Amino acid sequence: MGTAARVLLGAAGGLASAVAVTGSGLLLAVPLLSGPSALALAGGVTGMAVIVVSAGVTLRFARWCVLPLAGVQLALMMTAAVLLSDAVLDQRGEQVTAVIERVRARESVNTGQTSAVCDVRLPDGSTAELDGDGCRHAGPGDRLEVYQDPEGLVPPRHRTRITARQYAAALAAGAGAVTALGAWTGARAGSGARQQEEAHGGQRARDGQAGTAG
């Protein structure tokens, strides 16, 4: 197999892994939307398996690519998971006025920091839990503008952290980086194969000369 073919194969493998980890990230978003599920577990396991297999293949041909590739794949998977709700709300969310029913403090398990959380009632009569700056200086009875998904796929938020266009651009950039690293790995594999062939050819030539001289 020539170097060009290996480059194409590497790029195809990189693109396939990018699609796989992005899909895994979307499955990981399930517990953020509706609570823990087997789909989220399957997404996490699949995503990590893809990263490990990619690292093993890359390690054979381009060792310096292993950490960047794994880092980009992990970032791509987490971006797809964590920011999905923001992208959905930016794309089709409706801004509605919610009424705060209760404000309470919640301590983060990871950082130990305390943040304000408020329970609000939406115009359709449903309730939701919000956190962020909007709850910090508010009290029961206050009104708060929130973004609500009319289809109910993602929970309401006080504000979105990213637009749908930025979300798509981030995923495309991550997929492009993984594809490029895959292509580079393929190029390195082709170069290594060519060097091995040249070395074997040279060795056969030397063996032939030695046999003739003998």
C-alpha atoms as a PDB file:
ATOM      1  CA  MET A   1       0.000   0.000   0.000  1.00  0.00           C
ATOM      2  CA  GLY A   2       1.409   3.381  -1.014  1.00  0.00           C
ATOM      3  CA  THR A   3       1.799   6.426   1.195  1.00  0.00           C
ATOM      4  CA  ALA A   4      -1.130   8.257  -0.431  1.00  0.00           C
ATOM      5  CA  ALA A   5      -3.424   5.321   0.230  1.00  0.00           C
ATOM      6  CA  ARG A   6      -2.259   5.164   3.842  1.00  0.00           C
ATOM      7  CA  VAL A   7      -2.910   8.902   4.250  1.00  0.00           C
ATOM      8  CA  LEU A   8      -6.462   8.459   2.953  1.00  0.00           C
ATOM      9  CA  LEU A   9      -6.948   5.440   5.182  1.00  0.00           C
ATOM     10  CA  GLY A  10      -5.653   7.371   8.196  1.00  0.00           C
ATOM     11  CA  ALA A  11      -7.908  10.330   7.404  1.00  0.00           C
ATOM     12  CA  ALA A  12     -10.903   8.011   7.039  1.00  0.00           C
ATOM     13  CA  GLY A  13     -10.064   6.356  10.351  1.00  0.00           C
ATOM     14  CA  GLY A  14      -9.691   9.758  12.019  1.00  0.00           C
ATOM     15  CA  LEU A  15     -13.028  10.941  10.641  1.00  0.00           C
ATOM     16  CA  ALA A  16     -14.710   7.713  11.722  1.00  0.00           C
ATOM     17  CA  SER A  17     -13.333   8.062  15.251  1.00  0.00           C
ATOM     18  CA  ALA A  18     -14.462  11.712  15.347  1.00  0.00           C
ATOM     19  CA  VAL A  19     -17.987  10.686  14.398  1.00  0.00           C
ATOM     20  CA  ALA A  20     -17.893   7.897  16.992  1.00  0.00           C
ATOM     21  CA  VAL A  21     -16.768  10.090  19.897  1.00  0.00           C
ATOM     22  CA  THR A  22     -19.231  12.829  18.914  1.00  0.00           C
ATOM     23  CA  GLY A  23     -22.044  10.300  18.931  1.00  0.00           C
ATOM     24  CA  SER A  24     -20.825   9.021  22.277  1.00  0.00           C
ATOM     25  CA  GLY A  25     -20.886  12.577  23.593  1.00  0.00           C
ATOM     26  CA  LEU A  26     -24.492  12.988  22.478  1.00  0.00           C
ATOM     27  CA  LEU A  27     -25.388   9.792  24.343  1.00  0.00           C
ATOM     28  CA  LEU A  28     -23.538  11.106  27.382  1.00  0.00           C
ATOM     29  CA  ALA A  29     -25.825  14.136  27.307  1.00  0.00           C
ATOM     30  CA  VAL A  30     -28.811  11.902  28.144  1.00  0.00           C
ATOM     31  CA  PRO A  31     -28.343  12.053  31.953  1.00  0.00           C
ATOM     32  CA  LEU A  32     -27.986  15.828  31.676  1.00  0.00           C
ATOM     33  CA  LEU A  33     -31.389  15.924  29.995  1.00  0.00           C
ATOM     34  CA  SER A  34     -33.475  13.231  31.647  1.00  0.00           C
ATOM     35  CA  GLY A  35     -31.409  11.454  34.279  1.00  0.00           C
ATOM     36  CA  PRO A  36     -29.057   8.429  34.251  1.00  0.00           C
ATOM     37  CA  SER A  37     -29.633   5.823  31.582  1.00  0.00           C
ATOM     38  CA  ALA A  38     -28.055   2.815  29.910  1.00  0.00           C
ATOM     39  CA  LEU A  39     -27.587   4.899  26.758  1.00  0.00           C
ATOM     40  CA  ALA A  40     -25.309   7.291  28.604  1.00  0.00           C
ATOM     41  CA  LEU A  41     -23.262   4.385  29.967  1.00  0.00           C
ATOM     42  CA  ALA A  42     -22.999   2.888  26.489  1.00  0.00           C
ATOM     43  CA  GLY A  43     -21.931   6.251  25.103  1.00  0.00           C
ATOM     44  CA  GLY A  44     -19.213   6.695  27.704  1.00  0.00           C
ATOM     45  CA  VAL A  45     -17.852   3.173  27.263  1.00  0.00           C
ATOM     46  CA  THR A  46     -17.900   3.432  23.466  1.00  0.00           C
ATOM     47  CA  GLY A  47     -16.214   6.818  23.454  1.00  0.00           C
ATOM     48  CA  MET A  48     -13.406   5.729  25.766  1.00  0.00           C
ATOM     49  CA  ALA A  49     -12.941   2.500  23.774  1.00  0.00           C
ATOM     50  CA  VAL A  50     -12.547   4.514  20.562  1.00  0.00           C
ATOM     51  CA  ILE A  51      -9.985   6.782  22.222  1.00  0.00           C
ATOM     52  CA  VAL A  52      -7.975   3.823  23.563  1.00  0.00           C
ATOM     53  CA  VAL A  53      -7.995   1.961  20.237  1.00  0.00           C
ATOM     54  CA  SER A  54      -7.009   5.112  18.353  1.00  0.00           C
ATOM     55  CA  ALA A  55      -4.153   5.681  20.786  1.00  0.00           C
ATOM     56  CA  GLY A  56      -2.937   2.115  20.302  1.00  0.00           C
ATOM     57  CA  VAL A  57      -2.924   2.433  16.512  1.00  0.00           C
ATOM     58  CA  THR A  58      -1.285   5.863  16.587  1.00  0.00           C
ATOM     59  CA  LEU A  59       1.388   4.700  19.029  1.00  0.00           C
ATOM     60  CA  ARG A  60       2.773   2.329  16.389  1.00  0.00           C
ATOM     61  CA  PHE A  61       3.442   5.013  13.800  1.00  0.00           C
ATOM     62  CA  ALA A  62       3.416   8.514  15.310  1.00  0.00           C
ATOM     63  CA  ARG A  63       4.002   8.479  19.058  1.00  0.00           C
ATOM     64  CA  TRP A  64       3.922  12.250  19.451  1.00  0.00           C
ATOM     65  CA  CYS A  65       0.348  12.265  18.083  1.00  0.00           C
ATOM     66  CA  VAL A  66      -1.040  10.020  20.825  1.00  0.00           C
ATOM     67  CA  LEU A  67      -1.635  12.652  23.509  1.00  0.00           C
ATOM     68  CA  PRO A  68      -2.901  15.407  21.149  1.00  0.00           C
ATOM     69  CA  LEU A  69      -5.233  12.952  19.431  1.00  0.00           C
ATOM     70  CA  ALA A  70      -6.624  11.575  22.696  1.00  0.00           C
ATOM     71  CA  GLY A  71      -6.999  15.105  24.070  1.00  0.00           C
ATOM     72  CA  VAL A  72      -8.904  16.356  21.036  1.00  0.00           C
ATOM     73  CA  GLN A  73     -11.132  13.269  20.967  1.00  0.00           C
ATOM     74  CA  LEU A  74     -11.965  13.639  24.667  1.00  0.00           C
ATOM     75  CA  ALA A  75     -12.628  17.377  24.253  1.00  0.00           C
ATOM     76  CA  LEU A  76     -14.863  16.649  21.266  1.00  0.00           C
ATOM     77  CA  MET A  77     -16.865  14.076  23.199  1.00  0.00           C
ATOM     78  CA  MET A  78     -17.331  16.342  26.238  1.00  0.00           C
ATOM     79  CA  THR A  79     -18.203  19.379  24.098  1.00  0.00           C
ATOM     80  CA  ALA A  80     -20.911  17.370  22.354  1.00  0.00           C
ATOM     81  CA  ALA A  81     -22.283  16.264  25.725  1.00  0.00           C
ATOM     82  CA  VAL A  82     -22.072  19.353  27.911  1.00  0.00           C
ATOM     83  CA  LEU A  83     -23.126  22.048  25.439  1.00  0.00           C
ATOM     84  CA  LEU A  84     -25.904  20.203  23.604  1.00  0.00           C
ATOM     85  CA  SER A  85     -28.668  21.744  25.718  1.00  0.00           C
ATOM     86  CA  ASP A  86     -27.324  25.257  25.104  1.00  0.00           C
ATOM     87  CA  ALA A  87     -27.276  24.685  21.348  1.00  0.00           C
ATOM     88  CA  VAL A  88     -30.836  23.333  21.364  1.00  0.00           C
ATOM     89  CA  LEU A  89     -32.129  26.269  23.386  1.00  0.00           C
ATOM     90  CA  ASP A  90     -30.350  28.761  21.138  1.00  0.00           C
ATOM     91  CA  GLN A  91     -31.770  27.108  18.034  1.00  0.00           C
ATOM     92  CA  ARG A  92     -35.409  26.770  19.045  1.00  0.00           C
ATOM     93  CA  GLY A  93     -35.773  27.901  22.638  1.00  0.00           C
ATOM     94  CA  GLU A  94     -38.444  30.409  23.591  1.00  0.00           C
ATOM     95  CA  GLN A  95     -37.806  33.140  26.128  1.00  0.00           C
ATOM     96  CA  VAL A  96     -40.504  33.047  28.785  1.00  0.00           C
ATOM     97  CA  THR A  97     -41.063  34.650  32.176  1.00  0.00           C
ATOM     98  CA  ALA A  98     -40.825  32.293  35.144  1.00  0.00           C
ATOM     99  CA  VAL A  99     -41.808  33.018  38.741  1.00  0.00           C
ATOM    100  CA  ILE A 100     -39.349  32.106  41.481  1.00  0.00           C
ATOM    101  CA  GLU A 101     -40.900  29.958  44.199  1.00  0.00           C
ATOM    102  CA  ARG A 102     -37.841  29.184  46.311  1.00  0.00           C
ATOM    103  CA  VAL A 103     -34.175  30.110  46.493  1.00  0.00           C
ATOM    104  CA  ARG A 104     -31.647  27.875  48.211  1.00  0.00           C
ATOM    105  CA  ALA A 105     -27.903  27.338  48.412  1.00  0.00           C
ATOM    106  CA  ARG A 106     -26.167  24.303  46.951  1.00  0.00           C
ATOM    107  CA  GLU A 107     -22.580  23.270  47.617  1.00  0.00           C
ATOM    108  CA  SER A 108     -20.547  21.770  44.790  1.00  0.00           C
ATOM    109  CA  VAL A 109     -19.203  18.303  45.561  1.00  0.00           C
ATOM    110  CA  ASN A 110     -16.112  18.905  43.419  1.00  0.00           C
ATOM    111  CA  THR A 111     -15.096  22.451  44.398  1.00  0.00           C
ATOM    112  CA  GLY A 112     -16.885  23.008  47.702  1.00  0.00           C
ATOM    113  CA  GLN A 113     -18.187  26.346  46.443  1.00  0.00           C
ATOM    114  CA  THR A 114     -21.742  27.394  47.220  1.00  0.00           C
ATOM    115  CA  SER A 115     -24.061  28.659  44.503  1.00  0.00           C
ATOM    116  CA  ALA A 116     -27.638  29.903  44.463  1.00  0.00           C
ATOM    117  CA  VAL A 117     -30.321  27.619  43.056  1.00  0.00           C
ATOM    118  CA  CYS A 118     -33.924  28.606  42.510  1.00  0.00           C
ATOM    119  CA  ASP A 119     -37.058  26.607  41.880  1.00  0.00           C
ATOM    120  CA  VAL A 120     -39.251  28.388  39.336  1.00  0.00           C
ATOM    121  CA  ARG A 121     -42.719  27.936  37.898  1.00  0.00           C
ATOM    122  CA  LEU A 122     -43.019  28.277  34.137  1.00  0.00           C
ATOM    123  CA  PRO A 123     -45.993  29.779  32.261  1.00  0.00           C
ATOM    124  CA  ASP A 124     -47.287  26.308  31.358  1.00  0.00           C
ATOM    125  CA  GLY A 125     -47.522  25.410  35.055  1.00  0.00           C
ATOM    126  CA  SER A 126     -44.463  23.125  35.157  1.00  0.00           C
ATOM    127  CA  THR A 127     -41.577  23.671  37.527  1.00  0.00           C
ATOM    128  CA  ALA A 128     -37.834  23.681  36.930  1.00  0.00           C
ATOM    129  CA  GLU A 129     -34.596  24.111  38.848  1.00  0.00           C
ATOM    130  CA  LEU A 130     -32.243  26.874  37.716  1.00  0.00           C
ATOM    131  CA  ASP A 131     -28.837  27.942  38.900  1.00  0.00           C
ATOM    132  CA  GLY A 132     -26.523  30.800  38.037  1.00  0.00           C
ATOM    133  CA  ASP A 133     -26.320  34.546  38.522  1.00  0.00           C
ATOM    134  CA  GLY A 134     -30.044  35.002  37.928  1.00  0.00           C
ATOM    135  CA  CYS A 135     -30.841  33.340  41.251  1.00  0.00           C
ATOM    136  CA  ARG A 136     -28.144  34.960  43.353  1.00  0.00           C
ATOM    137  CA  HIS A 137     -29.957  38.231  44.104  1.00  0.00           C
ATOM    138  CA  ALA A 138     -33.530  37.018  43.652  1.00  0.00           C
ATOM    139  CA  GLY A 139     -36.230  35.899  46.046  1.00  0.00           C
ATOM    140  CA  PRO A 140     -39.603  34.140  46.037  1.00  0.00           C
ATOM    141  CA  GLY A 141     -42.129  35.945  43.877  1.00  0.00           C
ATOM    142  CA  ASP A 142     -39.522  37.569  41.643  1.00  0.00           C
ATOM    143  CA  ARG A 143     -39.759  37.077  37.893  1.00  0.00           C
ATOM    144  CA  LEU A 144     -36.928  35.660  35.843  1.00  0.00           C
ATOM    145  CA  GLU A 145     -36.503  35.464  32.081  1.00  0.00           C
ATOM    146  CA  VAL A 146     -35.531  31.926  31.024  1.00  0.00           C
ATOM    147  CA  TYR A 147     -35.126  29.964  27.807  1.00  0.00           C
ATOM    148  CA  GLN A 148     -37.504  27.023  27.467  1.00  0.00           C
ATOM    149  CA  ASP A 149     -37.479  24.273  24.852  1.00  0.00           C
ATOM    150  CA  PRO A 150     -41.035  24.050  23.441  1.00  0.00           C
ATOM    151  CA  GLU A 151     -40.497  20.344  22.736  1.00  0.00           C
ATOM    152  CA  GLY A 152     -39.215  19.632  26.231  1.00  0.00           C
ATOM    153  CA  LEU A 153     -36.015  17.864  25.153  1.00  0.00           C
ATOM    154  CA  VAL A 154     -33.683  19.978  27.280  1.00  0.00           C
ATOM    155  CA  PRO A 155     -34.352  21.656  30.638  1.00  0.00           C
ATOM    156  CA  PRO A 156     -34.849  25.434  30.877  1.00  0.00           C
ATOM    157  CA  ARG A 157     -31.857  27.695  31.448  1.00  0.00           C
ATOM    158  CA  HIS A 158     -31.489  31.288  32.539  1.00  0.00           C
ATOM    159  CA  ARG A 159     -29.073  31.934  29.680  1.00  0.00           C
ATOM    160  CA  THR A 160     -27.191  29.930  27.069  1.00  0.00           C
ATOM    161  CA  ARG A 161     -23.410  29.610  27.107  1.00  0.00           C
ATOM    162  CA  ILE A 162     -22.984  29.033  23.384  1.00  0.00           C
ATOM    163  CA  THR A 163     -24.969  29.489  20.186  1.00  0.00           C
ATOM    164  CA  ALA A 164     -26.029  26.639  17.932  1.00  0.00           C
ATOM    165  CA  ARG A 165     -23.673  27.926  15.239  1.00  0.00           C
ATOM    166  CA  GLN A 166     -20.738  28.021  17.664  1.00  0.00           C
ATOM    167  CA  TYR A 167     -21.612  24.508  18.838  1.00  0.00           C
ATOM    168  CA  ALA A 168     -21.581  23.198  15.264  1.00  0.00           C
ATOM    169  CA  ALA A 169     -18.321  25.047  14.542  1.00  0.00           C
ATOM    170  CA  ALA A 170     -16.683  23.568  17.652  1.00  0.00           C
ATOM    171  CA  LEU A 171     -17.711  20.034  16.671  1.00  0.00           C
ATOM    172  CA  ALA A 172     -16.531  20.583  13.078  1.00  0.00           C
ATOM    173  CA  ALA A 173     -13.188  21.950  14.260  1.00  0.00           C
ATOM    174  CA  GLY A 174     -12.679  18.992  16.585  1.00  0.00           C
ATOM    175  CA  ALA A 175     -13.599  16.507  13.870  1.00  0.00           C
ATOM    176  CA  GLY A 176     -11.246  18.262  11.443  1.00  0.00           C
ATOM    177  CA  ALA A 177      -8.378  18.099  13.928  1.00  0.00           C
ATOM    178  CA  VAL A 178      -8.936  14.387  14.571  1.00  0.00           C
ATOM    179  CA  THR A 179      -9.119  13.715  10.809  1.00  0.00           C
ATOM    180  CA  ALA A 180      -5.894  15.658  10.208  1.00  0.00           C
ATOM    181  CA  LEU A 181      -4.072  13.749  12.944  1.00  0.00           C
ATOM    182  CA  GLY A 182      -5.369  10.498  11.453  1.00  0.00           C
ATOM    183  CA  ALA A 183      -4.050  11.517   8.035  1.00  0.00           C
ATOM    184  CA  TRP A 184      -0.676  12.402   9.572  1.00  0.00           C
ATOM    185  CA  THR A 185      -0.549   9.015  11.270  1.00  0.00           C
ATOM    186  CA  GLY A 186      -1.267   7.394   7.895  1.00  0.00           C
ATOM    187  CA  ALA A 187       1.536   9.400   6.307  1.00  0.00           C
ATOM    188  CA  ARG A 188       3.942   8.318   9.013  1.00  0.00           C
ATOM    189  CA  ALA A 189       2.846   4.719   8.546  1.00  0.00           C
ATOM    190  CA  GLY A 190       3.480   4.989   4.800  1.00  0.00           C
ATOM    191  CA  SER A 191       6.878   6.567   5.373  1.00  0.00           C
ATOM    192  CA  GLY A 192       7.829   3.870   7.845  1.00  0.00           C
ATOM    193  CA  ALA A 193       6.706   1.118   5.481  1.00  0.00           C
ATOM    194  CA  ARG A 194       8.691   2.650   2.630  1.00  0.00           C
ATOM    195  CA  GLN A 195      11.817   2.873   4.794  1.00  0.00           C
ATOM    196  CA  GLN A 196      11.413  -0.759   5.809  1.00  0.00           C
ATOM    197  CA  GLU A 197      11.031  -1.816   2.180  1.00  0.00           C
ATOM    198  CA  GLU A 198      14.138   0.155   1.201  1.00  0.00           C
ATOM    199  CA  ALA A 199      16.068  -1.355   4.089  1.00  0.00           C
ATOM    200  CA  HIS A 200      14.976  -4.878   3.139  1.00  0.00           C
ATOM    201  CA  GLY A 201      15.796  -4.184  -0.509  1.00  0.00           C
ATOM    202  CA  GLY A 202      19.249  -2.947   0.432  1.00  0.00           C
ATOM    203  CA  GLN A 203      19.830  -5.971   2.627  1.00  0.00           C
ATOM    204  CA  ARG A 204      18.813  -8.325  -0.179  1.00  0.00           C
ATOM    205  CA  ALA A 205      21.151  -6.515  -2.544  1.00  0.00           C
ATOM    206  CA  ARG A 206      24.040  -6.841  -0.098  1.00  0.00           C
ATOM    207  CA  ASP A 207      23.239 -10.522   0.441  1.00  0.00           C
ATOM    208  CA  GLY A 208      23.227 -11.020  -3.327  1.00  0.00           C
ATOM    209  CA  GLN A 209      26.583  -9.292  -3.708  1.00  0.00           C
ATOM    210  CA  ALA A 210      28.025 -11.362  -0.913  1.00  0.00           C
ATOM    211  CA  GLY A 211      26.764 -14.547  -2.527  1.00  0.00           C
ATOM    212  CA  THR A 212      28.264 -13.549  -5.890  1.00  0.00           C
ATOM    213  CA  ALA A 213      31.573 -12.684  -4.324  1.00  0.00           C
ATOM    214  CA  GLY A 214      31.613 -16.012  -2.539  1.00  0.00           C
END
